[in-house]
């Protein structure tokens, strides 16, 4: 299947790849160090595939587009992780506002909310 890239970004997180990978696999919406804060149009993603400690693939956050997936790559960078996300869809999404919303939300979830759970 040919996947269309809707968005991609790489930023550093202040934790090593095994820690980030584990947090992406065992998403925490409640309890100690909860970081997965979903919007009203979102659902908790399922892990479709994972390869410790480098890759996690999530199902869609958006029930309106269940075939979208989010590929997460944990790349070592000294004591930190360069976390790359890629939002992919099997079909093109021509609505720029929808694509922008998806990019913004994944960016917030990973680089704001997850980062804050590491004390940053």
PDB file of N, CA and C in Angstrom:
ATOM      1  N   UNK A   1       0.847  -1.179   0.000  1.00  0.00           N
ATOM      2  CA  UNK A   1       0.000   0.000   0.000  1.00  0.00           C
ATOM      3  C   UNK A   1       0.890   1.238   0.000  1.00  0.00           C
ATOM      4  N   UNK A   2       0.499   2.211  -0.772  1.00  0.00           N
ATOM      5  CA  UNK A   2       1.238   3.468  -0.862  1.00  0.00           C
ATOM      6  C   UNK A   2       0.653   4.459   0.144  1.00  0.00           C
ATOM      7  N   UNK A   3       1.442   4.869   1.133  1.00  0.00           N
ATOM      8  CA  UNK A   3       0.980   5.785   2.174  1.00  0.00           C
ATOM      9  C   UNK A   3       1.338   7.224   1.815  1.00  0.00           C
ATOM     10  N   UNK A   4       0.402   8.125   2.054  1.00  0.00           N
ATOM     11  CA  UNK A   4       0.613   9.551   1.840  1.00  0.00           C
ATOM     12  C   UNK A   4       1.038  10.181   3.163  1.00  0.00           C
ATOM     13  N   UNK A   5       2.113  10.934   3.159  1.00  0.00           N
ATOM     14  CA  UNK A   5       2.599  11.607   4.362  1.00  0.00           C
ATOM     15  C   UNK A   5       1.817  12.907   4.532  1.00  0.00           C
ATOM     16  N   UNK A   6       1.120  13.022   5.666  1.00  0.00           N
ATOM     17  CA  UNK A   6       0.344  14.225   5.967  1.00  0.00           C
ATOM     18  C   UNK A   6       1.158  15.217   6.797  1.00  0.00           C
ATOM     19  N   UNK A   7       2.155  14.718   7.488  1.00  0.00           N
ATOM     20  CA  UNK A   7       2.987  15.584   8.307  1.00  0.00           C
ATOM     21  C   UNK A   7       4.125  14.802   8.914  1.00  0.00           C
ATOM     22  N   UNK A   8       5.203  15.518   9.214  1.00  0.00           N
ATOM     23  CA  UNK A   8       6.375  14.881   9.814  1.00  0.00           C
ATOM     24  C   UNK A   8       7.158  15.946  10.565  1.00  0.00           C
ATOM     25  N   UNK A   9       7.709  15.540  11.701  1.00  0.00           N
ATOM     26  CA  UNK A   9       8.520  16.471  12.483  1.00  0.00           C
ATOM     27  C   UNK A   9       9.470  15.682  13.373  1.00  0.00           C
ATOM     28  N   UNK A  10      10.620  16.273  13.667  1.00  0.00           N
ATOM     29  CA  UNK A  10      11.600  15.684  14.582  1.00  0.00           C
ATOM     30  C   UNK A  10      11.952  16.737  15.619  1.00  0.00           C
ATOM     31  N   UNK A  11      11.866  16.346  16.890  1.00  0.00           N
ATOM     32  CA  UNK A  11      12.307  17.221  17.986  1.00  0.00           C
ATOM     33  C   UNK A  11      12.903  16.354  19.083  1.00  0.00           C
ATOM     34  N   UNK A  12      13.700  16.989  19.915  1.00  0.00           N
ATOM     35  CA  UNK A  12      14.349  16.269  21.022  1.00  0.00           C
ATOM     36  C   UNK A  12      13.442  16.187  22.244  1.00  0.00           C
ATOM     37  N   UNK A  13      13.557  15.056  22.932  1.00  0.00           N
ATOM     38  CA  UNK A  13      12.933  14.881  24.244  1.00  0.00           C
ATOM     39  C   UNK A  13      14.044  14.549  25.239  1.00  0.00           C
ATOM     40  N   UNK A  14      13.919  15.029  26.491  1.00  0.00           N
ATOM     41  CA  UNK A  14      15.009  14.883  27.464  1.00  0.00           C
ATOM     42  C   UNK A  14      14.995  13.543  28.206  1.00  0.00           C
ATOM     43  N   UNK A  15      14.803  12.460  27.488  1.00  0.00           N
ATOM     44  CA  UNK A  15      14.845  11.117  28.074  1.00  0.00           C
ATOM     45  C   UNK A  15      15.474  10.196  27.029  1.00  0.00           C
ATOM     46  N   UNK A  16      16.106   9.096  27.470  1.00  0.00           N
ATOM     47  CA  UNK A  16      16.735   8.182  26.511  1.00  0.00           C
ATOM     48  C   UNK A  16      15.688   7.389  25.715  1.00  0.00           C
ATOM     49  N   UNK A  17      16.061   6.895  24.529  1.00  0.00           N
ATOM     50  CA  UNK A  17      15.110   6.178  23.679  1.00  0.00           C
ATOM     51  C   UNK A  17      14.332   5.050  24.360  1.00  0.00           C
ATOM     52  N   UNK A  18      14.938   4.207  25.212  1.00  0.00           N
ATOM     53  CA  UNK A  18      14.128   3.150  25.831  1.00  0.00           C
ATOM     54  C   UNK A  18      12.985   3.692  26.703  1.00  0.00           C
ATOM     55  N   UNK A  19      13.215   4.822  27.358  1.00  0.00           N
ATOM     56  CA  UNK A  19      12.176   5.429  28.206  1.00  0.00           C
ATOM     57  C   UNK A  19      11.062   6.006  27.336  1.00  0.00           C
ATOM     58  N   UNK A  20      11.448   6.741  26.302  1.00  0.00           N
ATOM     59  CA  UNK A  20      10.447   7.329  25.397  1.00  0.00           C
ATOM     60  C   UNK A  20       9.660   6.221  24.716  1.00  0.00           C
ATOM     61  N   UNK A  21      10.337   5.194  24.217  1.00  0.00           N
ATOM     62  CA  UNK A  21       9.672   4.075  23.559  1.00  0.00           C
ATOM     63  C   UNK A  21       8.635   3.441  24.492  1.00  0.00           C
ATOM     64  N   UNK A  22       9.019   3.177  25.739  1.00  0.00           N
ATOM     65  CA  UNK A  22       8.096   2.563  26.702  1.00  0.00           C
ATOM     66  C   UNK A  22       6.875   3.453  26.945  1.00  0.00           C
ATOM     67  N   UNK A  23       7.087   4.766  27.020  1.00  0.00           N
ATOM     68  CA  UNK A  23       5.964   5.679  27.221  1.00  0.00           C
ATOM     69  C   UNK A  23       5.028   5.694  26.017  1.00  0.00           C
ATOM     70  N   UNK A  24       5.562   5.551  24.825  1.00  0.00           N
ATOM     71  CA  UNK A  24       4.724   5.521  23.629  1.00  0.00           C
ATOM     72  C   UNK A  24       3.935   4.223  23.517  1.00  0.00           C
ATOM     73  N   UNK A  25       4.509   3.129  24.019  1.00  0.00           N
ATOM     74  CA  UNK A  25       3.817   1.835  23.994  1.00  0.00           C
ATOM     75  C   UNK A  25       2.759   1.774  25.097  1.00  0.00           C
ATOM     76  N   UNK A  26       3.102   2.235  26.296  1.00  0.00           N
ATOM     77  CA  UNK A  26       2.184   2.243  27.442  1.00  0.00           C
ATOM     78  C   UNK A  26       1.734   3.676  27.695  1.00  0.00           C
ATOM     79  N   UNK A  27       0.896   4.164  26.795  1.00  0.00           N
ATOM     80  CA  UNK A  27       0.438   5.547  26.903  1.00  0.00           C
ATOM     81  C   UNK A  27      -0.281   5.763  28.233  1.00  0.00           C
ATOM     82  N   UNK A  28      -0.021   6.887  28.871  1.00  0.00           N
ATOM     83  CA  UNK A  28      -0.597   7.169  30.184  1.00  0.00           C
ATOM     84  C   UNK A  28      -1.597   8.315  30.081  1.00  0.00           C
ATOM     85  N   UNK A  29      -2.868   7.957  30.117  1.00  0.00           N
ATOM     86  CA  UNK A  29      -3.921   8.965  30.095  1.00  0.00           C
ATOM     87  C   UNK A  29      -4.370   9.303  31.519  1.00  0.00           C
ATOM     88  N   UNK A  30      -4.072   8.419  32.482  1.00  0.00           N
ATOM     89  CA  UNK A  30      -4.482   8.610  33.866  1.00  0.00           C
ATOM     90  C   UNK A  30      -3.341   8.199  34.788  1.00  0.00           C
ATOM     91  N   UNK A  31      -3.403   8.648  36.029  1.00  0.00           N
ATOM     92  CA  UNK A  31      -2.457   8.202  37.040  1.00  0.00           C
ATOM     93  C   UNK A  31      -1.153   8.968  37.037  1.00  0.00           C
ATOM     94  N   UNK A  32      -0.133   8.304  37.585  1.00  0.00           N
ATOM     95  CA  UNK A  32       1.177   8.918  37.757  1.00  0.00           C
ATOM     96  C   UNK A  32       1.782   9.243  36.377  1.00  0.00           C
ATOM     97  N   UNK A  33       2.265  10.450  36.248  1.00  0.00           N
ATOM     98  CA  UNK A  33       2.910  10.920  35.030  1.00  0.00           C
ATOM     99  C   UNK A  33       2.028  10.793  33.799  1.00  0.00           C
ATOM    100  N   UNK A  34       0.723  11.036  33.978  1.00  0.00           N
ATOM    101  CA  UNK A  34      -0.196  11.007  32.835  1.00  0.00           C
ATOM    102  C   UNK A  34       0.188  12.113  31.860  1.00  0.00           C
ATOM    103  N   UNK A  35       0.188  11.810  30.575  1.00  0.00           N
ATOM    104  CA  UNK A  35       0.564  12.807  29.572  1.00  0.00           C
ATOM    105  C   UNK A  35      -0.316  12.786  28.335  1.00  0.00           C
ATOM    106  N   UNK A  36      -1.064  11.728  28.118  1.00  0.00           N
ATOM    107  CA  UNK A  36      -1.878  11.639  26.911  1.00  0.00           C
ATOM    108  C   UNK A  36      -3.206  12.359  27.140  1.00  0.00           C
ATOM    109  N   UNK A  37      -3.250  13.608  26.695  1.00  0.00           N
ATOM    110  CA  UNK A  37      -4.450  14.437  26.850  1.00  0.00           C
ATOM    111  C   UNK A  37      -5.138  14.545  25.496  1.00  0.00           C
ATOM    112  N   UNK A  38      -6.271  13.870  25.379  1.00  0.00           N
ATOM    113  CA  UNK A  38      -6.967  13.803  24.097  1.00  0.00           C
ATOM    114  C   UNK A  38      -8.023  14.887  23.979  1.00  0.00           C
ATOM    115  N   UNK A  39      -8.240  15.336  22.755  1.00  0.00           N
ATOM    116  CA  UNK A  39      -9.275  16.312  22.471  1.00  0.00           C
ATOM    117  C   UNK A  39     -10.616  15.626  22.295  1.00  0.00           C
ATOM    118  N   UNK A  40     -11.686  16.405  22.178  1.00  0.00           N
ATOM    119  CA  UNK A  40     -13.031  15.831  22.068  1.00  0.00           C
ATOM    120  C   UNK A  40     -13.250  15.015  20.794  1.00  0.00           C
ATOM    121  N   UNK A  41     -12.453  15.245  19.765  1.00  0.00           N
ATOM    122  CA  UNK A  41     -12.593  14.495  18.514  1.00  0.00           C
ATOM    123  C   UNK A  41     -11.591  13.352  18.414  1.00  0.00           C
ATOM    124  N   UNK A  42     -10.960  12.975  19.540  1.00  0.00           N
ATOM    125  CA  UNK A  42      -9.874  11.995  19.515  1.00  0.00           C
ATOM    126  C   UNK A  42     -10.152  10.790  20.414  1.00  0.00           C
ATOM    127  N   UNK A  43      -9.522   9.687  20.075  1.00  0.00           N
ATOM    128  CA  UNK A  43      -9.580   8.463  20.881  1.00  0.00           C
ATOM    129  C   UNK A  43      -8.157   8.001  21.145  1.00  0.00           C
ATOM    130  N   UNK A  44      -7.983   7.225  22.200  1.00  0.00           N
ATOM    131  CA  UNK A  44      -6.655   6.703  22.515  1.00  0.00           C
ATOM    132  C   UNK A  44      -6.199   5.769  21.401  1.00  0.00           C
ATOM    133  N   UNK A  45      -4.983   5.966  20.907  1.00  0.00           N
ATOM    134  CA  UNK A  45      -4.501   5.108  19.824  1.00  0.00           C
ATOM    135  C   UNK A  45      -4.126   3.723  20.333  1.00  0.00           C
ATOM    136  N   UNK A  46      -4.232   2.755  19.445  1.00  0.00           N
ATOM    137  CA  UNK A  46      -3.745   1.403  19.710  1.00  0.00           C
ATOM    138  C   UNK A  46      -2.346   1.287  19.122  1.00  0.00           C
ATOM    139  N   UNK A  47      -1.534   0.440  19.711  1.00  0.00           N
ATOM    140  CA  UNK A  47      -0.210   0.168  19.143  1.00  0.00           C
ATOM    141  C   UNK A  47      -0.403  -0.895  18.060  1.00  0.00           C
ATOM    142  N   UNK A  48      -0.115  -0.522  16.827  1.00  0.00           N
ATOM    143  CA  UNK A  48      -0.249  -1.448  15.703  1.00  0.00           C
ATOM    144  C   UNK A  48       1.008  -2.288  15.518  1.00  0.00           C
ATOM    145  N   UNK A  49       2.150  -1.680  15.859  1.00  0.00           N
ATOM    146  CA  UNK A  49       3.431  -2.366  15.694  1.00  0.00           C
ATOM    147  C   UNK A  49       4.448  -1.651  16.562  1.00  0.00           C
ATOM    148  N   UNK A  50       5.407  -2.408  17.080  1.00  0.00           N
ATOM    149  CA  UNK A  50       6.494  -1.780  17.821  1.00  0.00           C
ATOM    150  C   UNK A  50       7.743  -2.638  17.716  1.00  0.00           C
ATOM    151  N   UNK A  51       8.874  -1.941  17.675  1.00  0.00           N
ATOM    152  CA  UNK A  51      10.188  -2.586  17.652  1.00  0.00           C
ATOM    153  C   UNK A  51      11.038  -1.861  18.687  1.00  0.00           C
ATOM    154  N   UNK A  52      11.228  -2.503  19.823  1.00  0.00           N
ATOM    155  CA  UNK A  52      11.943  -1.884  20.944  1.00  0.00           C
ATOM    156  C   UNK A  52      13.415  -1.678  20.599  1.00  0.00           C
ATOM    157  N   UNK A  53      14.002  -0.575  20.931  1.00  0.00           N
ATOM    158  CA  UNK A  53      13.451   0.667  21.479  1.00  0.00           C
ATOM    159  C   UNK A  53      13.315   1.760  20.422  1.00  0.00           C
ATOM    160  N   UNK A  54      13.132   1.390  19.169  1.00  0.00           N
ATOM    161  CA  UNK A  54      13.230   2.377  18.092  1.00  0.00           C
ATOM    162  C   UNK A  54      11.903   2.839  17.501  1.00  0.00           C
ATOM    163  N   UNK A  55      10.933   1.958  17.330  1.00  0.00           N
ATOM    164  CA  UNK A  55       9.744   2.337  16.562  1.00  0.00           C
ATOM    165  C   UNK A  55       8.451   1.914  17.244  1.00  0.00           C
ATOM    166  N   UNK A  56       7.447   2.776  17.135  1.00  0.00           N
ATOM    167  CA  UNK A  56       6.084   2.476  17.567  1.00  0.00           C
ATOM    168  C   UNK A  56       5.162   3.031  16.488  1.00  0.00           C
ATOM    169  N   UNK A  57       4.170   2.254  16.099  1.00  0.00           N
ATOM    170  CA  UNK A  57       3.171   2.733  15.148  1.00  0.00           C
ATOM    171  C   UNK A  57       1.826   2.730  15.853  1.00  0.00           C
ATOM    172  N   UNK A  58       1.208   3.913  15.892  1.00  0.00           N
ATOM    173  CA  UNK A  58      -0.109   4.080  16.518  1.00  0.00           C
ATOM    174  C   UNK A  58      -1.198   4.054  15.461  1.00  0.00           C
ATOM    175  N   UNK A  59      -2.367   3.578  15.890  1.00  0.00           N
ATOM    176  CA  UNK A  59      -3.565   3.729  15.071  1.00  0.00           C
ATOM    177  C   UNK A  59      -3.995   5.192  15.124  1.00  0.00           C
ATOM    178  N   UNK A  60      -5.004   5.516  14.385  1.00  0.00           N
ATOM    179  CA  UNK A  60      -5.492   6.890  14.300  1.00  0.00           C
ATOM    180  C   UNK A  60      -6.029   7.399  15.633  1.00  0.00           C
ATOM    181  N   UNK A  61      -5.791   8.670  15.879  1.00  0.00           N
ATOM    182  CA  UNK A  61      -6.404   9.368  17.020  1.00  0.00           C
ATOM    183  C   UNK A  61      -7.810   9.839  16.673  1.00  0.00           C
ATOM    184  N   UNK A  62      -8.152   9.819  15.380  1.00  0.00           N
ATOM    185  CA  UNK A  62      -9.367  10.462  14.901  1.00  0.00           C
ATOM    186  C   UNK A  62     -10.345   9.446  14.319  1.00  0.00           C
ATOM    187  N   UNK A  63     -11.443   9.177  15.028  1.00  0.00           N
ATOM    188  CA  UNK A  63     -12.433   8.221  14.532  1.00  0.00           C
ATOM    189  C   UNK A  63     -12.972   8.577  13.147  1.00  0.00           C
ATOM    190  N   UNK A  64     -12.973   9.856  12.800  1.00  0.00           N
ATOM    191  CA  UNK A  64     -13.443  10.271  11.476  1.00  0.00           C
ATOM    192  C   UNK A  64     -12.515   9.785  10.366  1.00  0.00           C
ATOM    193  N   UNK A  65     -11.266   9.485  10.709  1.00  0.00           N
ATOM    194  CA  UNK A  65     -10.281   8.968   9.749  1.00  0.00           C
ATOM    195  C   UNK A  65      -9.553   7.778  10.373  1.00  0.00           C
ATOM    196  N   UNK A  66     -10.230   6.636  10.479  1.00  0.00           N
ATOM    197  CA  UNK A  66      -9.651   5.486  11.191  1.00  0.00           C
ATOM    198  C   UNK A  66      -8.450   4.850  10.508  1.00  0.00           C
ATOM    199  N   UNK A  67      -8.206   5.138   9.238  1.00  0.00           N
ATOM    200  CA  UNK A  67      -7.087   4.504   8.535  1.00  0.00           C
ATOM    201  C   UNK A  67      -5.791   5.300   8.625  1.00  0.00           C
ATOM    202  N   UNK A  68      -5.851   6.481   9.218  1.00  0.00           N
ATOM    203  CA  UNK A  68      -4.629   7.256   9.446  1.00  0.00           C
ATOM    204  C   UNK A  68      -3.794   6.532  10.498  1.00  0.00           C
ATOM    205  N   UNK A  69      -2.485   6.592  10.359  1.00  0.00           N
ATOM    206  CA  UNK A  69      -1.599   6.015  11.374  1.00  0.00           C
ATOM    207  C   UNK A  69      -0.494   7.016  11.674  1.00  0.00           C
ATOM    208  N   UNK A  70       0.127   6.827  12.842  1.00  0.00           N
ATOM    209  CA  UNK A  70       1.214   7.702  13.269  1.00  0.00           C
ATOM    210  C   UNK A  70       2.429   6.834  13.551  1.00  0.00           C
ATOM    211  N   UNK A  71       3.488   7.051  12.785  1.00  0.00           N
ATOM    212  CA  UNK A  71       4.736   6.298  12.938  1.00  0.00           C
ATOM    213  C   UNK A  71       5.661   7.140  13.810  1.00  0.00           C
ATOM    214  N   UNK A  72       6.150   6.545  14.900  1.00  0.00           N
ATOM    215  CA  UNK A  72       6.998   7.231  15.869  1.00  0.00           C
ATOM    216  C   UNK A  72       8.353   6.540  15.907  1.00  0.00           C
ATOM    217  N   UNK A  73       9.414   7.315  15.702  1.00  0.00           N
ATOM    218  CA  UNK A  73      10.765   6.769  15.702  1.00  0.00           C
ATOM    219  C   UNK A  73      11.577   7.429  16.805  1.00  0.00           C
ATOM    220  N   UNK A  74      12.175   6.617  17.669  1.00  0.00           N
ATOM    221  CA  UNK A  74      13.019   7.086  18.769  1.00  0.00           C
ATOM    222  C   UNK A  74      14.473   6.950  18.352  1.00  0.00           C
ATOM    223  N   UNK A  75      15.090   8.079  18.073  1.00  0.00           N
ATOM    224  CA  UNK A  75      16.461   8.088  17.576  1.00  0.00           C
ATOM    225  C   UNK A  75      17.394   8.579  18.676  1.00  0.00           C
ATOM    226  N   UNK A  76      18.458   7.835  18.998  1.00  0.00           N
ATOM    227  CA  UNK A  76      19.373   8.266  20.058  1.00  0.00           C
ATOM    228  C   UNK A  76      20.074   9.564  19.702  1.00  0.00           C
ATOM    229  N   UNK A  77      20.236  10.397  20.735  1.00  0.00           N
ATOM    230  CA  UNK A  77      20.954  11.659  20.585  1.00  0.00           C
ATOM    231  C   UNK A  77      21.623  11.964  21.919  1.00  0.00           C
ATOM    232  N   UNK A  78      22.770  11.325  22.168  1.00  0.00           N
ATOM    233  CA  UNK A  78      23.409  11.450  23.474  1.00  0.00           C
ATOM    234  C   UNK A  78      22.489  10.863  24.532  1.00  0.00           C
ATOM    235  N   UNK A  79      22.257  11.578  25.643  1.00  0.00           N
ATOM    236  CA  UNK A  79      21.364  11.073  26.683  1.00  0.00           C
ATOM    237  C   UNK A  79      19.885  11.336  26.375  1.00  0.00           C
ATOM    238  N   UNK A  80      19.611  11.979  25.255  1.00  0.00           N
ATOM    239  CA  UNK A  80      18.247  12.338  24.881  1.00  0.00           C
ATOM    240  C   UNK A  80      17.750  11.482  23.720  1.00  0.00           C
ATOM    241  N   UNK A  81      16.526  11.790  23.280  1.00  0.00           N
ATOM    242  CA  UNK A  81      15.917  11.119  22.136  1.00  0.00           C
ATOM    243  C   UNK A  81      15.492  12.159  21.123  1.00  0.00           C
ATOM    244  N   UNK A  82      15.813  11.913  19.888  1.00  0.00           N
ATOM    245  CA  UNK A  82      15.190  12.682  18.809  1.00  0.00           C
ATOM    246  C   UNK A  82      13.971  11.862  18.403  1.00  0.00           C
ATOM    247  N   UNK A  83      12.796  12.402  18.673  1.00  0.00           N
ATOM    248  CA  UNK A  83      11.553  11.695  18.366  1.00  0.00           C
ATOM    249  C   UNK A  83      10.980  12.246  17.065  1.00  0.00           C
ATOM    250  N   UNK A  84      10.836  11.365  16.087  1.00  0.00           N
ATOM    251  CA  UNK A  84      10.260  11.736  14.796  1.00  0.00           C
ATOM    252  C   UNK A  84       8.855  11.153  14.707  1.00  0.00           C
ATOM    253  N   UNK A  85       7.890  11.996  14.359  1.00  0.00           N
ATOM    254  CA  UNK A  85       6.575  11.466  14.041  1.00  0.00           C
ATOM    255  C   UNK A  85       6.294  11.678  12.557  1.00  0.00           C
ATOM    256  N   UNK A  86       5.574  10.718  11.981  1.00  0.00           N
ATOM    257  CA  UNK A  86       5.101  10.814  10.610  1.00  0.00           C
ATOM    258  C   UNK A  86       3.632  10.406  10.625  1.00  0.00           C
ATOM    259  N   UNK A  87       2.764  11.304  10.173  1.00  0.00           N
ATOM    260  CA  UNK A  87       1.338  11.003  10.062  1.00  0.00           C
ATOM    261  C   UNK A  87       1.108  10.528   8.637  1.00  0.00           C
ATOM    262  N   UNK A  88       0.546   9.330   8.501  1.00  0.00           N
ATOM    263  CA  UNK A  88       0.353   8.725   7.183  1.00  0.00           C
ATOM    264  C   UNK A  88      -1.102   8.331   6.971  1.00  0.00           C
ATOM    265  N   UNK A  89      -1.511   8.375   5.716  1.00  0.00           N
ATOM    266  CA  UNK A  89      -2.867   7.983   5.342  1.00  0.00           C
ATOM    267  C   UNK A  89      -2.812   7.191   4.039  1.00  0.00           C
ATOM    268  N   UNK A  90      -3.630   6.143   3.906  1.00  0.00           N
ATOM    269  CA  UNK A  90      -3.633   5.397   2.642  1.00  0.00           C
ATOM    270  C   UNK A  90      -4.302   6.178   1.513  1.00  0.00           C
ATOM    271  N   UNK A  91      -5.074   7.204   1.863  1.00  0.00           N
ATOM    272  CA  UNK A  91      -5.667   8.048   0.838  1.00  0.00           C
ATOM    273  C   UNK A  91      -5.250   9.495   1.067  1.00  0.00           C
ATOM    274  N   UNK A  92      -5.261  10.272   0.011  1.00  0.00           N
ATOM    275  CA  UNK A  92      -4.905  11.679   0.140  1.00  0.00           C
ATOM    276  C   UNK A  92      -5.964  12.405   0.956  1.00  0.00           C
ATOM    277  N   UNK A  93      -5.523  13.388   1.733  1.00  0.00           N
ATOM    278  CA  UNK A  93      -6.435  14.249   2.492  1.00  0.00           C
ATOM    279  C   UNK A  93      -6.205  15.656   1.955  1.00  0.00           C
ATOM    280  N   UNK A  94      -7.183  16.150   1.214  1.00  0.00           N
ATOM    281  CA  UNK A  94      -7.028  17.433   0.525  1.00  0.00           C
ATOM    282  C   UNK A  94      -7.417  18.634   1.370  1.00  0.00           C
ATOM    283  N   UNK A  95      -8.009  18.405   2.532  1.00  0.00           N
ATOM    284  CA  UNK A  95      -8.459  19.508   3.386  1.00  0.00           C
ATOM    285  C   UNK A  95      -7.281  19.998   4.241  1.00  0.00           C
ATOM    286  N   UNK A  96      -6.726  21.144   3.879  1.00  0.00           N
ATOM    287  CA  UNK A  96      -5.545  21.673   4.577  1.00  0.00           C
ATOM    288  C   UNK A  96      -5.819  21.953   6.044  1.00  0.00           C
ATOM    289  N   UNK A  97      -7.041  22.342   6.395  1.00  0.00           N
ATOM    290  CA  UNK A  97      -7.333  22.618   7.805  1.00  0.00           C
ATOM    291  C   UNK A  97      -7.333  21.332   8.626  1.00  0.00           C
ATOM    292  N   UNK A  98      -7.799  20.233   8.053  1.00  0.00           N
ATOM    293  CA  UNK A  98      -7.783  18.936   8.748  1.00  0.00           C
ATOM    294  C   UNK A  98      -6.345  18.467   8.935  1.00  0.00           C
ATOM    295  N   UNK A  99      -5.551  18.541   7.880  1.00  0.00           N
ATOM    296  CA  UNK A  99      -4.147  18.126   7.958  1.00  0.00           C
ATOM    297  C   UNK A  99      -3.410  18.991   8.982  1.00  0.00           C
ATOM    298  N   UNK A 100      -3.651  20.282   8.976  1.00  0.00           N
ATOM    299  CA  UNK A 100      -3.028  21.181   9.948  1.00  0.00           C
ATOM    300  C   UNK A 100      -3.423  20.843  11.375  1.00  0.00           C
ATOM    301  N   UNK A 101      -4.684  20.496  11.558  1.00  0.00           N
ATOM    302  CA  UNK A 101      -5.162  20.099  12.893  1.00  0.00           C
ATOM    303  C   UNK A 101      -4.441  18.832  13.355  1.00  0.00           C
ATOM    304  N   UNK A 102      -4.326  17.835  12.488  1.00  0.00           N
ATOM    305  CA  UNK A 102      -3.636  16.594  12.843  1.00  0.00           C
ATOM    306  C   UNK A 102      -2.185  16.867  13.227  1.00  0.00           C
ATOM    307  N   UNK A 103      -1.496  17.661  12.433  1.00  0.00           N
ATOM    308  CA  UNK A 103      -0.093  17.988  12.728  1.00  0.00           C
ATOM    309  C   UNK A 103       0.041  18.714  14.063  1.00  0.00           C
ATOM    310  N   UNK A 104      -0.824  19.689  14.274  1.00  0.00           N
ATOM    311  CA  UNK A 104      -0.764  20.464  15.521  1.00  0.00           C
ATOM    312  C   UNK A 104      -1.014  19.567  16.721  1.00  0.00           C
ATOM    313  N   UNK A 105      -2.012  18.693  16.639  1.00  0.00           N
ATOM    314  CA  UNK A 105      -2.345  17.849  17.782  1.00  0.00           C
ATOM    315  C   UNK A 105      -1.239  16.845  18.099  1.00  0.00           C
ATOM    316  N   UNK A 106      -0.648  16.208  17.113  1.00  0.00           N
ATOM    317  CA  UNK A 106       0.442  15.263  17.389  1.00  0.00           C
ATOM    318  C   UNK A 106       1.631  16.024  17.956  1.00  0.00           C
ATOM    319  N   UNK A 107       1.910  17.183  17.424  1.00  0.00           N
ATOM    320  CA  UNK A 107       2.980  18.026  17.944  1.00  0.00           C
ATOM    321  C   UNK A 107       2.729  18.358  19.421  1.00  0.00           C
ATOM    322  N   UNK A 108       1.522  18.763  19.772  1.00  0.00           N
ATOM    323  CA  UNK A 108       1.193  19.092  21.170  1.00  0.00           C
ATOM    324  C   UNK A 108       1.292  17.876  22.081  1.00  0.00           C
ATOM    325  N   UNK A 109       0.759  16.750  21.639  1.00  0.00           N
ATOM    326  CA  UNK A 109       0.759  15.538  22.459  1.00  0.00           C
ATOM    327  C   UNK A 109       2.187  15.084  22.768  1.00  0.00           C
ATOM    328  N   UNK A 110       3.042  15.091  21.758  1.00  0.00           N
ATOM    329  CA  UNK A 110       4.401  14.574  21.949  1.00  0.00           C
ATOM    330  C   UNK A 110       5.362  15.604  22.507  1.00  0.00           C
ATOM    331  N   UNK A 111       5.402  16.775  21.903  1.00  0.00           N
ATOM    332  CA  UNK A 111       6.452  17.732  22.223  1.00  0.00           C
ATOM    333  C   UNK A 111       6.060  18.740  23.295  1.00  0.00           C
ATOM    334  N   UNK A 112       4.811  18.720  23.713  1.00  0.00           N
ATOM    335  CA  UNK A 112       4.395  19.531  24.861  1.00  0.00           C
ATOM    336  C   UNK A 112       4.046  18.606  26.027  1.00  0.00           C
ATOM    337  N   UNK A 113       3.038  17.757  25.822  1.00  0.00           N
ATOM    338  CA  UNK A 113       2.512  16.951  26.920  1.00  0.00           C
ATOM    339  C   UNK A 113       3.489  15.873  27.385  1.00  0.00           C
ATOM    340  N   UNK A 114       4.027  15.083  26.455  1.00  0.00           N
ATOM    341  CA  UNK A 114       4.998  14.052  26.837  1.00  0.00           C
ATOM    342  C   UNK A 114       6.250  14.705  27.415  1.00  0.00           C
ATOM    343  N   UNK A 115       6.726  15.780  26.785  1.00  0.00           N
ATOM    344  CA  UNK A 115       7.909  16.497  27.301  1.00  0.00           C
ATOM    345  C   UNK A 115       7.685  16.958  28.739  1.00  0.00           C
ATOM    346  N   UNK A 116       6.513  17.522  29.030  1.00  0.00           N
ATOM    347  CA  UNK A 116       6.205  17.987  30.388  1.00  0.00           C
ATOM    348  C   UNK A 116       6.250  16.843  31.392  1.00  0.00           C
ATOM    349  N   UNK A 117       5.910  15.625  30.966  1.00  0.00           N
ATOM    350  CA  UNK A 117       5.955  14.488  31.889  1.00  0.00           C
ATOM    351  C   UNK A 117       7.381  14.141  32.320  1.00  0.00           C
ATOM    352  N   UNK A 118       8.376  14.625  31.576  1.00  0.00           N
ATOM    353  CA  UNK A 118       9.790  14.446  31.938  1.00  0.00           C
ATOM    354  C   UNK A 118      10.318  15.617  32.743  1.00  0.00           C
ATOM    355  N   UNK A 119       9.431  16.509  33.154  1.00  0.00           N
ATOM    356  CA  UNK A 119       9.835  17.630  33.981  1.00  0.00           C
ATOM    357  C   UNK A 119      10.360  18.806  33.198  1.00  0.00           C
ATOM    358  N   UNK A 120      10.052  18.890  31.932  1.00  0.00           N
ATOM    359  CA  UNK A 120      10.541  19.991  31.088  1.00  0.00           C
ATOM    360  C   UNK A 120       9.387  20.814  30.568  1.00  0.00           C
TER     361      UNK A 120
END
